[in-house]
Structure formats: structure tokens, C-alpha cells
Amino acid sequence: MRLDKYLKVSRIIKRRTVAKDLADDSRVLINDKLAKPSSEVKVGDVVEIRFEHRHIKIEVSFLSDKILRSNPPMYELIEDKRIEKAVD
């Protein structure tokens, strides 16, 4: 499954275009390698996303093309760090 679609379907990011923009800005890593929006995501991959004030790291645990309540969790949260902005 494409990275941008996975981030949207798993509800980590609300819109696919936002997921695409993050990947285009080199703020998404898959298994410690820079990822493009079209990068393939597989079960077991570790995805790191660097938001402006927060960095999260997840492990992909399930893939599905559709958002269904009956689906198991699509990821397991490994790390969630808040980033403080330096004030001068």
C-alpha cells in the first residue's frame, strides 16, 4: 500500500494530501530511510513522522484499503515525543 494512503486510512493523518506534503518535505521515514508518498508500506515496517511540534514512531501491524470499525488496529505506537521550540 502507498505511504500516503496508509497514513490516511490508518487515521494518523486526516487528509492524503497532507500526508503527501509531509513525505515530499522529507519528514517521513520508513525503516530509517527517507520515504516518498508512493513508497510501499508493509506489515512490520517502522514509520517515523516528524510533525512541527511532535515526532511519532509507529510499527505497521495491519493493512486495509478501507476504514472499517471491524478492522484491528493498523499500527502500534512505539514513540511519541513532543518537540519544544527554542525561544530566544
C-alpha atoms as a PDB file:
ATOM      1  CA  MET A   1       0.000   0.000   0.000  1.00  0.00           C
ATOM      2  CA  ARG A   2       1.225   3.509  -0.753  1.00  0.00           C
ATOM      3  CA  LEU A   3       2.527   5.511   2.210  1.00  0.00           C
ATOM      4  CA  ASP A   4       0.194   8.477   1.722  1.00  0.00           C
ATOM      5  CA  LYS A   5      -2.863   6.215   1.501  1.00  0.00           C
ATOM      6  CA  TYR A   6      -1.799   4.202   4.567  1.00  0.00           C
ATOM      7  CA  LEU A   7      -1.384   7.342   6.695  1.00  0.00           C
ATOM      8  CA  LYS A   8      -4.887   8.465   5.746  1.00  0.00           C
ATOM      9  CA  VAL A   9      -6.657   5.088   6.091  1.00  0.00           C
ATOM     10  CA  SER A  10      -4.963   4.407   9.444  1.00  0.00           C
ATOM     11  CA  ARG A  11      -6.194   7.837  10.626  1.00  0.00           C
ATOM     12  CA  ILE A  12      -2.738   9.050  11.584  1.00  0.00           C
ATOM     13  CA  ILE A  13      -3.218  11.964   9.188  1.00  0.00           C
ATOM     14  CA  LYS A  14      -6.673  13.200   8.211  1.00  0.00           C
ATOM     15  CA  ARG A  15      -6.046  14.004   4.539  1.00  0.00           C
ATOM     16  CA  ARG A  16      -3.997  12.199   1.934  1.00  0.00           C
ATOM     17  CA  THR A  17      -2.692  15.480   0.506  1.00  0.00           C
ATOM     18  CA  VAL A  18      -1.271  16.403   3.919  1.00  0.00           C
ATOM     19  CA  ALA A  19       0.456  13.006   4.093  1.00  0.00           C
ATOM     20  CA  LYS A  20       1.861  13.593   0.596  1.00  0.00           C
ATOM     21  CA  ASP A  21       3.145  17.044   1.552  1.00  0.00           C
ATOM     22  CA  LEU A  22       4.904  15.690   4.675  1.00  0.00           C
ATOM     23  CA  ALA A  23       6.648  12.997   2.625  1.00  0.00           C
ATOM     24  CA  ASP A  24       7.605  15.497  -0.084  1.00  0.00           C
ATOM     25  CA  ASP A  25       9.178  17.694   2.628  1.00  0.00           C
ATOM     26  CA  SER A  26      11.395  14.750   3.765  1.00  0.00           C
ATOM     27  CA  ARG A  27       9.593  14.473   7.113  1.00  0.00           C
ATOM     28  CA  VAL A  28       8.606  10.793   6.853  1.00  0.00           C
ATOM     29  CA  LEU A  29      10.939   7.817   7.237  1.00  0.00           C
ATOM     30  CA  ILE A  30      10.254   4.132   6.649  1.00  0.00           C
ATOM     31  CA  ASN A  31      12.761   1.850   8.385  1.00  0.00           C
ATOM     32  CA  ASP A  32      15.127   4.830   8.852  1.00  0.00           C
ATOM     33  CA  LYS A  33      15.101   5.735   5.128  1.00  0.00           C
ATOM     34  CA  LEU A  34      13.500   8.827   3.601  1.00  0.00           C
ATOM     35  CA  ALA A  35      10.135   7.942   2.094  1.00  0.00           C
ATOM     36  CA  LYS A  36       8.226   9.295  -0.872  1.00  0.00           C
ATOM     37  CA  PRO A  37       4.405   9.411  -0.920  1.00  0.00           C
ATOM     38  CA  SER A  38       4.454   6.446  -3.310  1.00  0.00           C
ATOM     39  CA  SER A  39       6.740   4.307  -1.103  1.00  0.00           C
ATOM     40  CA  GLU A  40       5.285   0.895  -0.319  1.00  0.00           C
ATOM     41  CA  VAL A  41       4.358   0.162   3.302  1.00  0.00           C
ATOM     42  CA  LYS A  42       4.327  -3.439   4.551  1.00  0.00           C
ATOM     43  CA  VAL A  43       3.336  -5.062   7.836  1.00  0.00           C
ATOM     44  CA  GLY A  44       6.297  -4.826  10.215  1.00  0.00           C
ATOM     45  CA  ASP A  45       7.674  -1.565   8.784  1.00  0.00           C
ATOM     46  CA  VAL A  46       8.587   1.204  11.237  1.00  0.00           C
ATOM     47  CA  VAL A  47       7.318   4.606  10.118  1.00  0.00           C
ATOM     48  CA  GLU A  48       8.584   7.831  11.687  1.00  0.00           C
ATOM     49  CA  ILE A  49       6.747  11.103  11.102  1.00  0.00           C
ATOM     50  CA  ARG A  50       8.222  14.464  12.052  1.00  0.00           C
ATOM     51  CA  PHE A  51       5.454  16.967  12.641  1.00  0.00           C
ATOM     52  CA  GLU A  52       6.364  20.525  13.608  1.00  0.00           C
ATOM     53  CA  HIS A  53       5.895  20.096  17.382  1.00  0.00           C
ATOM     54  CA  ARG A  54       5.808  16.313  17.648  1.00  0.00           C
ATOM     55  CA  HIS A  55       7.654  13.265  16.343  1.00  0.00           C
ATOM     56  CA  ILE A  56       5.929   9.881  16.309  1.00  0.00           C
ATOM     57  CA  LYS A  57       7.231   6.428  15.504  1.00  0.00           C
ATOM     58  CA  ILE A  58       4.842   3.574  14.720  1.00  0.00           C
ATOM     59  CA  GLU A  59       5.035  -0.044  13.607  1.00  0.00           C
ATOM     60  CA  VAL A  60       2.629  -1.128  10.875  1.00  0.00           C
ATOM     61  CA  SER A  61       0.529  -4.029  12.176  1.00  0.00           C
ATOM     62  CA  PHE A  62      -2.319  -4.309   9.639  1.00  0.00           C
ATOM     63  CA  LEU A  63      -3.110  -3.129   6.112  1.00  0.00           C
ATOM     64  CA  SER A  64      -6.556  -2.450   4.670  1.00  0.00           C
ATOM     65  CA  ASP A  65      -7.769  -0.299   1.779  1.00  0.00           C
ATOM     66  CA  LYS A  66     -10.902   0.728   3.652  1.00  0.00           C
ATOM     67  CA  ILE A  67     -11.681   2.256   7.022  1.00  0.00           C
ATOM     68  CA  LEU A  68     -13.840  -0.258   8.876  1.00  0.00           C
ATOM     69  CA  ARG A  69     -14.658  -0.452  12.570  1.00  0.00           C
ATOM     70  CA  SER A  70     -14.173  -4.216  12.438  1.00  0.00           C
ATOM     71  CA  ASN A  71     -10.515  -3.825  11.381  1.00  0.00           C
ATOM     72  CA  PRO A  72      -7.859  -4.479  14.019  1.00  0.00           C
ATOM     73  CA  PRO A  73      -5.538  -1.564  14.899  1.00  0.00           C
ATOM     74  CA  MET A  74      -3.445  -0.658  11.865  1.00  0.00           C
ATOM     75  CA  TYR A  75      -0.384   0.411  13.863  1.00  0.00           C
ATOM     76  CA  GLU A  76       1.304   0.193  17.228  1.00  0.00           C
ATOM     77  CA  LEU A  77       2.717   3.388  18.714  1.00  0.00           C
ATOM     78  CA  ILE A  78       6.404   2.962  19.554  1.00  0.00           C
ATOM     79  CA  GLU A  79       7.358   6.519  20.463  1.00  0.00           C
ATOM     80  CA  ASP A  80       5.660   9.916  20.763  1.00  0.00           C
ATOM     81  CA  LYS A  81       7.921  12.897  21.503  1.00  0.00           C
ATOM     82  CA  ARG A  82       6.878  16.498  21.933  1.00  0.00           C
ATOM     83  CA  ILE A  83       9.320  18.994  20.479  1.00  0.00           C
ATOM     84  CA  GLU A  84       9.777  22.256  22.329  1.00  0.00           C
ATOM     85  CA  LYS A  85      10.566  25.291  20.216  1.00  0.00           C
ATOM     86  CA  ALA A  86      13.559  27.283  21.454  1.00  0.00           C
ATOM     87  CA  VAL A  87      12.574  30.797  22.496  1.00  0.00           C
ATOM     88  CA  ASP A  88      15.277  33.433  22.047  1.00  0.00           C
END
